[in-house]
Protein backbone atom coordinates (compact mmCIF):
# COMPACT_ATOMS: atom_id res chain seq x y z
CA MET A 1 -0.23 -0.51 -0.26
CA SER A 2 2.56 2.61 0.52
CA ASP A 3 4.64 1.99 -2.34
CA ASN A 4 0.96 3.03 -4.20
CA ALA A 5 0.89 5.95 -1.55
CA SER A 6 4.52 6.85 -2.68
CA SER A 7 3.79 6.03 -6.51
CA ASN A 8 0.22 8.24 -6.41
CA ILE A 9 2.33 10.61 -4.89
CA GLU A 10 4.55 11.17 -7.49
CA ILE A 11 2.58 11.10 -9.96
CA LEU A 12 0.87 14.19 -8.54
CA LYS A 13 4.22 15.84 -8.19
CA GLU A 14 4.69 15.39 -11.68
CA ARG A 15 1.28 16.76 -12.42
CA ILE A 16 1.98 20.41 -10.41
CA ASP A 17 5.65 20.41 -11.84
CA LEU A 18 4.02 20.11 -15.18
CA LEU A 19 0.69 22.81 -14.26
CA ILE A 20 3.48 24.76 -12.97
CA LYS A 21 5.54 24.95 -16.15
CA ARG A 22 2.44 25.73 -18.24
CA PHE A 23 1.36 28.56 -16.05
CA ASP A 24 5.24 30.11 -16.33
CA GLU A 25 4.78 29.44 -20.09
CA GLN A 26 1.27 31.46 -20.34
CA LYS A 27 2.98 33.68 -17.79
CA GLY A 28 5.90 34.96 -20.73
CA ILE A 29 3.51 34.83 -23.22
CA ILE A 30 1.04 37.20 -21.25
CA ASN A 31 4.02 39.89 -20.35
CA SER A 32 5.13 39.83 -24.00
CA TYR A 33 1.98 40.48 -25.61
CA VAL A 34 1.87 43.29 -22.33
CA GLY A 35 4.89 44.87 -23.33
CA ARG A 36 4.53 44.75 -27.00
CA GLU A 37 0.94 46.46 -25.85
CA ARG A 38 2.36 48.89 -24.00
CA ASP A 39 5.33 50.21 -26.77
CA TRP A 40 2.72 50.19 -29.53
CA LYS A 41 0.57 52.28 -26.82
CA GLN A 42 3.30 54.42 -26.37
CA ASN A 43 4.58 54.99 -30.09
CA LYS A 44 0.92 55.36 -30.53
CA ILE A 45 1.17 58.58 -28.46
CA ILE A 46 4.54 59.90 -29.52
CA GLN A 47 3.07 59.98 -33.24
CA GLY A 48 -0.03 61.66 -32.43
CA LYS A 49 2.14 64.64 -31.14
CA GLU A 50 4.20 64.64 -33.79
CA ILE A 51 1.49 64.65 -35.86
CA SER A 52 -0.49 67.72 -34.31
CA GLU A 53 3.17 69.32 -33.78
CA LEU A 54 3.10 69.35 -37.94
CA LYS A 55 -0.46 70.56 -38.46
CA ASN A 56 0.53 73.68 -36.49
CA GLN A 57 3.61 73.86 -38.70
CA ILE A 58 1.49 73.14 -41.46
CA GLU A 59 -0.92 76.22 -40.13
CA ILE A 60 1.96 78.69 -39.55
CA LEU A 61 3.51 78.28 -43.33
CA SER A 62 0.12 78.63 -44.69
CA ALA A 63 -0.88 81.70 -42.74
CA LYS A 64 2.94 83.11 -44.05
CA VAL A 65 2.22 82.28 -47.46
CA SER A 66 -1.20 83.85 -47.64
CA ASP A 67 -0.01 86.93 -45.57
CA GLU A 68 2.30 87.51 -48.32
């Protein structure tokens, strides 16, 4: 009986180790996705600011041209 119990414990340990390994893999995938998403949002904000600055420059230049 003790051999059966110890083998069951070993099987349970293996399953737990497998679940922990899967969890760590999924956690890595999720962390990678979150990192890419944050980078994308940051780039989007930066590009939005650059677009606004360029629009302002166009307006300024257009006003100068129409004044002349």
